[in-house]
N, C-alpha and C. Protein backbone atom coordinates (compact mmCIF):
# COMPACT_ATOMS: atom_id res chain seq x y z
N MET A 1 4.16 -21.42 -29.98
CA MET A 1 3.28 -20.45 -29.37
C MET A 1 3.90 -19.94 -28.08
N ILE A 2 4.00 -18.63 -27.96
CA ILE A 2 4.56 -18.00 -26.77
C ILE A 2 3.41 -17.38 -25.98
N ILE A 3 3.35 -17.71 -24.69
CA ILE A 3 2.31 -17.19 -23.83
C ILE A 3 2.95 -16.17 -22.88
N PHE A 4 2.45 -14.91 -22.93
CA PHE A 4 2.99 -13.87 -22.06
C PHE A 4 1.86 -12.97 -21.58
N GLY A 5 2.16 -12.17 -20.58
CA GLY A 5 1.17 -11.26 -20.03
C GLY A 5 1.68 -10.58 -18.79
N THR A 6 0.77 -10.14 -17.93
CA THR A 6 1.14 -9.51 -16.67
C THR A 6 0.31 -10.10 -15.54
N LYS A 7 0.82 -9.98 -14.34
CA LYS A 7 0.11 -10.43 -13.16
C LYS A 7 0.36 -9.43 -12.04
N GLY A 8 -0.68 -9.13 -11.28
CA GLY A 8 -0.57 -8.17 -10.19
C GLY A 8 -0.39 -8.86 -8.86
N TYR A 9 0.45 -8.27 -8.01
CA TYR A 9 0.69 -8.76 -6.66
C TYR A 9 0.41 -7.62 -5.69
N LEU A 10 -0.29 -7.93 -4.60
CA LEU A 10 -0.65 -6.93 -3.61
C LEU A 10 -0.03 -7.31 -2.28
N TYR A 11 0.78 -6.40 -1.72
CA TYR A 11 1.46 -6.63 -0.45
C TYR A 11 0.96 -5.61 0.57
N GLN A 12 0.56 -6.08 1.74
CA GLN A 12 0.16 -5.17 2.81
C GLN A 12 1.40 -4.88 3.65
N LEU A 13 1.80 -3.62 3.68
CA LEU A 13 3.03 -3.23 4.37
C LEU A 13 2.79 -2.92 5.85
N ALA A 14 1.64 -2.32 6.17
CA ALA A 14 1.37 -1.93 7.56
C ALA A 14 -0.09 -1.54 7.72
N MET A 15 -0.51 -1.46 8.98
CA MET A 15 -1.80 -0.88 9.35
C MET A 15 -1.48 0.31 10.25
N VAL A 16 -1.94 1.48 9.86
CA VAL A 16 -1.66 2.70 10.63
C VAL A 16 -2.96 3.44 10.90
N THR A 17 -2.97 4.25 11.93
CA THR A 17 -4.14 5.06 12.26
C THR A 17 -3.93 6.45 11.68
N LEU A 18 -4.85 6.85 10.79
CA LEU A 18 -4.81 8.16 10.14
C LEU A 18 -6.21 8.74 10.11
N VAL A 19 -6.31 10.04 9.90
CA VAL A 19 -7.60 10.67 9.69
C VAL A 19 -7.89 10.57 8.20
N CYS A 20 -9.02 9.98 7.87
CA CYS A 20 -9.38 9.76 6.47
C CYS A 20 -9.73 11.10 5.80
N GLY A 21 -9.21 11.29 4.60
CA GLY A 21 -9.49 12.50 3.84
C GLY A 21 -10.91 12.54 3.30
N ARG A 22 -11.57 11.39 3.19
CA ARG A 22 -12.92 11.35 2.64
C ARG A 22 -14.00 11.44 3.71
N CYS A 23 -13.89 10.55 4.72
CA CYS A 23 -14.96 10.50 5.74
C CYS A 23 -14.62 11.32 6.99
N GLY A 24 -13.35 11.67 7.20
CA GLY A 24 -12.95 12.49 8.32
C GLY A 24 -12.79 11.75 9.64
N HIS A 25 -12.95 10.43 9.64
CA HIS A 25 -12.81 9.64 10.87
C HIS A 25 -11.35 9.23 11.08
N PRO A 26 -10.87 9.25 12.32
CA PRO A 26 -9.56 8.65 12.60
C PRO A 26 -9.75 7.13 12.62
N ALA A 27 -9.23 6.47 11.62
CA ALA A 27 -9.46 5.03 11.46
C ALA A 27 -8.19 4.34 11.01
N ALA A 28 -8.21 3.02 11.08
CA ALA A 28 -7.09 2.23 10.60
C ALA A 28 -7.03 2.32 9.07
N HIS A 29 -5.82 2.44 8.57
CA HIS A 29 -5.59 2.47 7.13
C HIS A 29 -4.56 1.40 6.79
N ALA A 30 -4.85 0.62 5.77
CA ALA A 30 -3.89 -0.37 5.27
C ALA A 30 -2.96 0.34 4.29
N VAL A 31 -1.65 0.17 4.50
CA VAL A 31 -0.66 0.69 3.56
C VAL A 31 -0.28 -0.48 2.66
N ARG A 32 -0.56 -0.34 1.38
CA ARG A 32 -0.38 -1.45 0.44
C ARG A 32 0.51 -1.09 -0.73
N LYS A 33 1.21 -2.10 -1.21
CA LYS A 33 2.10 -1.96 -2.38
C LYS A 33 1.56 -2.89 -3.46
N ARG A 34 1.32 -2.36 -4.65
CA ARG A 34 0.87 -3.18 -5.78
C ARG A 34 1.97 -3.22 -6.81
N VAL A 35 2.38 -4.45 -7.16
CA VAL A 35 3.43 -4.65 -8.15
C VAL A 35 2.85 -5.44 -9.31
N THR A 36 3.02 -4.95 -10.53
CA THR A 36 2.60 -5.65 -11.73
C THR A 36 3.86 -6.21 -12.39
N LYS A 37 3.87 -7.53 -12.61
CA LYS A 37 5.05 -8.19 -13.18
C LYS A 37 4.74 -8.77 -14.55
N PHE A 38 5.72 -8.70 -15.44
CA PHE A 38 5.63 -9.33 -16.75
C PHE A 38 5.82 -10.83 -16.58
N THR A 39 4.97 -11.63 -17.23
CA THR A 39 5.08 -13.08 -17.12
C THR A 39 5.32 -13.69 -18.50
N LEU A 40 6.08 -14.76 -18.51
CA LEU A 40 6.34 -15.54 -19.72
C LEU A 40 6.09 -17.00 -19.36
N PHE A 41 5.15 -17.61 -20.04
CA PHE A 41 4.72 -18.97 -19.71
C PHE A 41 4.32 -19.08 -18.24
N PHE A 42 3.58 -18.07 -17.76
CA PHE A 42 3.03 -17.99 -16.40
C PHE A 42 4.09 -17.87 -15.31
N VAL A 43 5.33 -17.55 -15.67
CA VAL A 43 6.40 -17.35 -14.70
C VAL A 43 6.68 -15.84 -14.62
N PRO A 44 6.49 -15.23 -13.43
CA PRO A 44 6.77 -13.80 -13.30
C PRO A 44 8.28 -13.53 -13.44
N LEU A 45 8.62 -12.60 -14.34
CA LEU A 45 10.04 -12.35 -14.62
C LEU A 45 10.56 -11.06 -14.00
N PHE A 46 9.90 -9.93 -14.26
CA PHE A 46 10.39 -8.66 -13.73
C PHE A 46 9.22 -7.70 -13.53
N PRO A 47 9.37 -6.76 -12.59
CA PRO A 47 8.29 -5.81 -12.34
C PRO A 47 8.16 -4.79 -13.47
N VAL A 48 6.93 -4.51 -13.83
CA VAL A 48 6.63 -3.52 -14.87
C VAL A 48 6.23 -2.20 -14.22
N SER A 49 5.44 -2.27 -13.15
CA SER A 49 5.03 -1.05 -12.45
C SER A 49 4.83 -1.35 -10.97
N THR A 50 4.97 -0.30 -10.16
CA THR A 50 4.78 -0.38 -8.72
C THR A 50 4.02 0.86 -8.27
N SER A 51 3.01 0.66 -7.42
CA SER A 51 2.28 1.80 -6.86
C SER A 51 1.99 1.52 -5.39
N TYR A 52 1.77 2.60 -4.65
CA TYR A 52 1.50 2.51 -3.22
C TYR A 52 0.20 3.23 -2.92
N ARG A 53 -0.62 2.66 -2.02
CA ARG A 53 -1.91 3.25 -1.66
C ARG A 53 -2.21 2.99 -0.20
N THR A 54 -3.07 3.85 0.35
CA THR A 54 -3.64 3.59 1.67
C THR A 54 -5.14 3.39 1.46
N GLN A 55 -5.73 2.53 2.30
CA GLN A 55 -7.17 2.29 2.22
C GLN A 55 -7.77 2.40 3.61
N CYS A 56 -8.79 3.23 3.75
CA CYS A 56 -9.47 3.46 5.02
C CYS A 56 -10.32 2.23 5.37
N ALA A 57 -10.18 1.74 6.60
CA ALA A 57 -10.96 0.60 7.05
C ALA A 57 -12.40 1.00 7.39
N PHE A 58 -12.66 2.28 7.58
CA PHE A 58 -13.99 2.75 7.94
C PHE A 58 -14.89 2.91 6.71
N CYS A 59 -14.41 3.63 5.68
CA CYS A 59 -15.25 3.89 4.51
C CYS A 59 -14.75 3.21 3.23
N GLY A 60 -13.52 2.69 3.24
CA GLY A 60 -12.99 1.99 2.07
C GLY A 60 -12.32 2.88 1.04
N ALA A 61 -12.21 4.17 1.31
CA ALA A 61 -11.60 5.09 0.36
C ALA A 61 -10.10 4.79 0.21
N GLU A 62 -9.61 4.85 -1.02
CA GLU A 62 -8.19 4.64 -1.29
C GLU A 62 -7.54 5.94 -1.70
N GLN A 63 -6.27 6.10 -1.31
CA GLN A 63 -5.51 7.29 -1.69
C GLN A 63 -4.13 6.85 -2.14
N LYS A 64 -3.70 7.35 -3.29
CA LYS A 64 -2.37 7.03 -3.80
C LYS A 64 -1.33 7.82 -3.03
N ILE A 65 -0.22 7.16 -2.67
CA ILE A 65 0.87 7.81 -1.95
C ILE A 65 2.18 7.48 -2.64
N THR A 66 3.23 8.21 -2.30
CA THR A 66 4.54 7.96 -2.89
C THR A 66 5.23 6.82 -2.14
N ALA A 67 6.30 6.31 -2.73
CA ALA A 67 7.08 5.24 -2.10
C ALA A 67 7.70 5.72 -0.79
N GLU A 68 8.13 6.99 -0.75
CA GLU A 68 8.73 7.54 0.46
C GLU A 68 7.69 7.63 1.59
N GLU A 69 6.46 8.05 1.26
CA GLU A 69 5.41 8.11 2.27
C GLU A 69 5.06 6.72 2.79
N ALA A 70 4.99 5.74 1.89
CA ALA A 70 4.69 4.36 2.30
C ALA A 70 5.78 3.82 3.20
N GLU A 71 7.03 4.10 2.87
CA GLU A 71 8.15 3.64 3.69
C GLU A 71 8.11 4.29 5.08
N ARG A 72 7.80 5.57 5.13
CA ARG A 72 7.72 6.29 6.40
C ARG A 72 6.57 5.76 7.26
N LEU A 73 5.41 5.50 6.64
CA LEU A 73 4.27 4.98 7.39
C LEU A 73 4.49 3.55 7.87
N ALA A 74 5.20 2.75 7.09
CA ALA A 74 5.41 1.34 7.43
C ALA A 74 6.54 1.15 8.43
N ALA A 75 7.38 2.16 8.62
CA ALA A 75 8.52 2.03 9.54
C ALA A 75 8.03 1.97 10.98
N PRO A 76 8.59 1.06 11.80
CA PRO A 76 8.20 1.00 13.21
C PRO A 76 8.67 2.26 13.95
N ARG A 77 7.85 2.70 14.90
CA ARG A 77 8.16 3.90 15.67
C ARG A 77 8.39 3.53 17.12
N ASP A 78 9.11 4.36 17.80
CA ASP A 78 9.39 4.13 19.22
C ASP A 78 8.16 4.45 20.07
N GLY A 79 7.61 3.48 20.74
CA GLY A 79 6.52 3.68 21.67
C GLY A 79 5.13 3.81 21.04
N ALA A 80 5.05 4.20 19.79
CA ALA A 80 3.75 4.40 19.15
C ALA A 80 3.76 3.71 17.78
N ARG A 81 3.91 2.45 17.78
CA ARG A 81 4.06 1.68 16.55
C ARG A 81 2.81 1.82 15.65
N GLY A 82 3.04 2.28 14.44
CA GLY A 82 1.98 2.37 13.46
C GLY A 82 1.03 3.54 13.61
N VAL A 83 1.35 4.50 14.47
CA VAL A 83 0.49 5.68 14.64
C VAL A 83 1.13 6.84 13.90
N ALA A 84 0.36 7.52 13.11
CA ALA A 84 0.88 8.64 12.36
C ALA A 84 1.36 9.75 13.32
N PRO A 85 2.45 10.44 12.99
CA PRO A 85 3.01 11.46 13.87
C PRO A 85 2.02 12.58 14.22
N HIS A 86 1.14 12.95 13.29
CA HIS A 86 0.21 14.04 13.58
C HIS A 86 -0.93 13.61 14.51
N LEU A 87 -1.04 12.32 14.84
CA LEU A 87 -2.10 11.85 15.75
C LEU A 87 -1.58 11.54 17.15
N ARG A 88 -0.29 11.73 17.39
CA ARG A 88 0.29 11.43 18.71
C ARG A 88 -0.14 12.45 19.73
């Protein structure tokens, strides 16, 4: 008997201040990476899919973003760490 399946992993990359597209408040947003891995006998072997999202701490709304946007948001900035460029 072979046991296989998938398992999801959630990584928080950064907390940034952005204006929420849903509620309109400037609030903290978690930048998160979700990786789904193929498992064999409960051992994760390789990633099947990867997605990136931001989640508003004020209203809980999630928005899908690209890997490039997630990398840009998670990168440390000079003097304004974790603040989006349009809010400086």
